[in-house]
Amino acid sequence: MRSVFYLLDTAPYGSEKAFGALNAAAVSLTRMHVTLGLYGDGVYLVVAGQDSKKLGVPNLSDILYSYGELRVLVHEPSLVDRGLFEETLIETVELVDEEDFLEAMESSDCVIPI
C-alpha cells in the first residue's frame, strides 16, 4: 500500500475518533502518502482559535502543525452547511469541493473511515 485516506466525519471533541485519526495518520506518515479527509462534523477539527483547556484535552488543531507532511482536505460543502468559512480555518489545510474530495478518496489505495 502506497497511500491511505483517513476519513473523519465526527467532531474533534467528545470522542476519541479525531485523536485516534491523528495518531494513525502520524504513524502512517513514515511508510506512505497520507491524507486526512474532514467531512461532516469532522471539519470542526481545523477551526482556528480553539481552546480545549476546559475539556482537559490537547488542542487537536494545533497537533496538525506538527505533521507538515500530512495532507488535510476539508470538504467545502460540509463547511458551508455548518456556517463556517475558509478564513476561520488553520493555514495547513486544503479546501476542496465534492468532486475533488471524492477523487482524492478514489485515488488512494485504502480508505479508512474513522
C-alpha atoms as a PDB file:
ATOM      1  CA  MET A   1       0.000   0.000   0.000  1.00  0.00           C
ATOM      2  CA  ARG A   2       1.389   3.390  -1.020  1.00  0.00           C
ATOM      3  CA  SER A   3      -1.377   5.747   0.093  1.00  0.00           C
ATOM      4  CA  VAL A   4      -4.104   5.891   2.691  1.00  0.00           C
ATOM      5  CA  PHE A   5      -7.060   8.226   3.130  1.00  0.00           C
ATOM      6  CA  TYR A   6      -8.400   8.607   6.671  1.00  0.00           C
ATOM      7  CA  LEU A   7     -11.984   9.890   6.599  1.00  0.00           C
ATOM      8  CA  LEU A   8     -13.087  11.729   9.741  1.00  0.00           C
ATOM      9  CA  ASP A   9     -16.736  12.717   9.933  1.00  0.00           C
ATOM     10  CA  THR A  10     -17.189  13.293  13.670  1.00  0.00           C
ATOM     11  CA  ALA A  11     -16.498  16.341  15.828  1.00  0.00           C
ATOM     12  CA  PRO A  12     -12.985  16.601  17.267  1.00  0.00           C
ATOM     13  CA  TYR A  13     -14.049  16.555  20.915  1.00  0.00           C
ATOM     14  CA  GLY A  14     -16.447  14.285  22.752  1.00  0.00           C
ATOM     15  CA  SER A  15     -14.964  11.057  21.401  1.00  0.00           C
ATOM     16  CA  GLU A  16     -11.554   9.578  20.709  1.00  0.00           C
ATOM     17  CA  LYS A  17     -12.089   9.353  16.951  1.00  0.00           C
ATOM     18  CA  ALA A  18     -10.304  12.570  15.911  1.00  0.00           C
ATOM     19  CA  PHE A  19      -7.380  11.972  18.261  1.00  0.00           C
ATOM     20  CA  GLY A  20      -7.162   8.389  17.019  1.00  0.00           C
ATOM     21  CA  ALA A  21      -7.227   9.519  13.391  1.00  0.00           C
ATOM     22  CA  LEU A  22      -4.371  11.949  14.030  1.00  0.00           C
ATOM     23  CA  ASN A  23      -2.307   9.254  15.741  1.00  0.00           C
ATOM     24  CA  ALA A  24      -2.963   6.725  12.981  1.00  0.00           C
ATOM     25  CA  ALA A  25      -2.036   9.297  10.350  1.00  0.00           C
ATOM     26  CA  ALA A  26       1.173  10.189  12.175  1.00  0.00           C
ATOM     27  CA  VAL A  27       2.261   6.550  12.358  1.00  0.00           C
ATOM     28  CA  SER A  28       1.442   6.016   8.686  1.00  0.00           C
ATOM     29  CA  LEU A  29       3.431   9.052   7.501  1.00  0.00           C
ATOM     30  CA  THR A  30       6.726   7.192   7.763  1.00  0.00           C
ATOM     31  CA  ARG A  31       5.596   4.497   5.329  1.00  0.00           C
ATOM     32  CA  MET A  32       3.166   6.030   2.843  1.00  0.00           C
ATOM     33  CA  HIS A  33       1.395   9.090   1.499  1.00  0.00           C
ATOM     34  CA  VAL A  34      -1.344  10.003   3.974  1.00  0.00           C
ATOM     35  CA  THR A  35      -4.416  12.186   3.510  1.00  0.00           C
ATOM     36  CA  LEU A  36      -6.802  13.143   6.276  1.00  0.00           C
ATOM     37  CA  GLY A  37     -10.207  13.972   4.827  1.00  0.00           C
ATOM     38  CA  LEU A  38     -12.518  16.031   7.004  1.00  0.00           C
ATOM     39  CA  TYR A  39     -16.198  15.623   6.207  1.00  0.00           C
ATOM     40  CA  GLY A  40     -19.381  16.495   8.105  1.00  0.00           C
ATOM     41  CA  ASP A  41     -18.650  17.442  11.705  1.00  0.00           C
ATOM     42  CA  GLY A  42     -15.016  16.459  11.143  1.00  0.00           C
ATOM     43  CA  VAL A  43     -14.430  19.923   9.648  1.00  0.00           C
ATOM     44  CA  TYR A  44     -14.566  21.387  13.155  1.00  0.00           C
ATOM     45  CA  LEU A  45     -11.095  19.897  13.700  1.00  0.00           C
ATOM     46  CA  VAL A  46      -9.465  22.686  11.692  1.00  0.00           C
ATOM     47  CA  VAL A  47     -11.333  25.711  13.031  1.00  0.00           C
ATOM     48  CA  ALA A  48      -8.735  28.269  14.126  1.00  0.00           C
ATOM     49  CA  GLY A  49      -8.544  29.554  17.690  1.00  0.00           C
ATOM     50  CA  GLN A  50      -9.873  26.510  19.506  1.00  0.00           C
ATOM     51  CA  ASP A  51      -9.452  26.441  23.289  1.00  0.00           C
ATOM     52  CA  SER A  52      -9.765  22.940  24.677  1.00  0.00           C
ATOM     53  CA  LYS A  53      -8.266  23.652  28.128  1.00  0.00           C
ATOM     54  CA  LYS A  54     -11.607  23.389  29.931  1.00  0.00           C
ATOM     55  CA  LEU A  55     -12.117  19.985  28.345  1.00  0.00           C
ATOM     56  CA  GLY A  56      -8.762  18.810  29.678  1.00  0.00           C
ATOM     57  CA  VAL A  57      -7.597  17.566  26.286  1.00  0.00           C
ATOM     58  CA  PRO A  58      -4.967  18.784  23.823  1.00  0.00           C
ATOM     59  CA  ASN A  59      -5.944  21.261  21.134  1.00  0.00           C
ATOM     60  CA  LEU A  60      -6.232  18.917  18.173  1.00  0.00           C
ATOM     61  CA  SER A  61      -5.967  21.631  15.526  1.00  0.00           C
ATOM     62  CA  ASP A  62      -2.565  22.599  16.981  1.00  0.00           C
ATOM     63  CA  ILE A  63      -1.384  18.995  16.641  1.00  0.00           C
ATOM     64  CA  LEU A  64      -1.848  19.247  12.867  1.00  0.00           C
ATOM     65  CA  TYR A  65       1.001  21.775  12.720  1.00  0.00           C
ATOM     66  CA  SER A  66       3.348  19.011  13.920  1.00  0.00           C
ATOM     67  CA  TYR A  67       2.636  16.896  10.851  1.00  0.00           C
ATOM     68  CA  GLY A  68       3.685  19.081   7.953  1.00  0.00           C
ATOM     69  CA  GLU A  69       3.717  16.115   5.557  1.00  0.00           C
ATOM     70  CA  LEU A  70       0.093  15.266   6.295  1.00  0.00           C
ATOM     71  CA  ARG A  71      -2.289  16.387   3.578  1.00  0.00           C
ATOM     72  CA  VAL A  72      -5.517  17.620   5.156  1.00  0.00           C
ATOM     73  CA  LEU A  73      -8.511  18.002   2.850  1.00  0.00           C
ATOM     74  CA  VAL A  74     -11.568  19.876   4.066  1.00  0.00           C
ATOM     75  CA  HIS A  75     -14.889  19.147   2.372  1.00  0.00           C
ATOM     76  CA  GLU A  76     -16.181  22.629   1.456  1.00  0.00           C
ATOM     77  CA  PRO A  77     -19.899  21.708   1.356  1.00  0.00           C
ATOM     78  CA  SER A  78     -19.583  20.481   4.971  1.00  0.00           C
ATOM     79  CA  LEU A  79     -18.156  23.871   5.961  1.00  0.00           C
ATOM     80  CA  VAL A  80     -20.961  25.714   4.235  1.00  0.00           C
ATOM     81  CA  ASP A  81     -23.594  23.500   5.890  1.00  0.00           C
ATOM     82  CA  ARG A  82     -22.151  24.497   9.286  1.00  0.00           C
ATOM     83  CA  GLY A  83     -21.821  28.210   8.556  1.00  0.00           C
ATOM     84  CA  LEU A  84     -18.025  28.080   8.644  1.00  0.00           C
ATOM     85  CA  PHE A  85     -15.901  29.980   6.171  1.00  0.00           C
ATOM     86  CA  GLU A  86     -12.379  29.460   4.863  1.00  0.00           C
ATOM     87  CA  GLU A  87     -10.893  32.348   6.831  1.00  0.00           C
ATOM     88  CA  THR A  88     -11.855  30.632  10.100  1.00  0.00           C
ATOM     89  CA  LEU A  89      -9.587  27.640   9.364  1.00  0.00           C
ATOM     90  CA  ILE A  90      -5.988  26.958  10.281  1.00  0.00           C
ATOM     91  CA  GLU A  91      -3.490  27.546   7.470  1.00  0.00           C
ATOM     92  CA  THR A  92      -2.301  23.989   6.844  1.00  0.00           C
ATOM     93  CA  VAL A  93      -5.443  22.671   5.172  1.00  0.00           C
ATOM     94  CA  GLU A  94      -6.712  22.387   1.633  1.00  0.00           C
ATOM     95  CA  LEU A  95     -10.321  23.333   0.956  1.00  0.00           C
ATOM     96  CA  VAL A  96     -11.871  21.148  -1.778  1.00  0.00           C
ATOM     97  CA  ASP A  97     -15.242  20.710  -3.419  1.00  0.00           C
ATOM     98  CA  GLU A  98     -17.243  17.475  -3.535  1.00  0.00           C
ATOM     99  CA  GLU A  99     -15.647  16.267  -6.774  1.00  0.00           C
ATOM    100  CA  ASP A 100     -12.042  16.784  -5.641  1.00  0.00           C
ATOM    101  CA  PHE A 101     -12.774  15.228  -2.246  1.00  0.00           C
ATOM    102  CA  LEU A 102     -14.187  12.085  -3.862  1.00  0.00           C
ATOM    103  CA  GLU A 103     -11.319  11.965  -6.365  1.00  0.00           C
ATOM    104  CA  ALA A 104      -8.770  12.029  -3.525  1.00  0.00           C
ATOM    105  CA  MET A 105     -10.573   9.168  -1.822  1.00  0.00           C
ATOM    106  CA  GLU A 106     -10.813   7.115  -5.017  1.00  0.00           C
ATOM    107  CA  SER A 107      -7.155   7.639  -5.910  1.00  0.00           C
ATOM    108  CA  SER A 108      -5.958   6.336  -2.538  1.00  0.00           C
ATOM    109  CA  ASP A 109      -5.005   2.692  -2.164  1.00  0.00           C
ATOM    110  CA  CYS A 110      -7.056   2.432   1.016  1.00  0.00           C
ATOM    111  CA  VAL A 111      -9.845   4.463   2.641  1.00  0.00           C
ATOM    112  CA  ILE A 112     -10.260   4.137   6.401  1.00  0.00           C
ATOM    113  CA  PRO A 113     -13.412   5.709   7.857  1.00  0.00           C
ATOM    114  CA  ILE A 114     -12.913   6.825  11.438  1.00  0.00           C
END
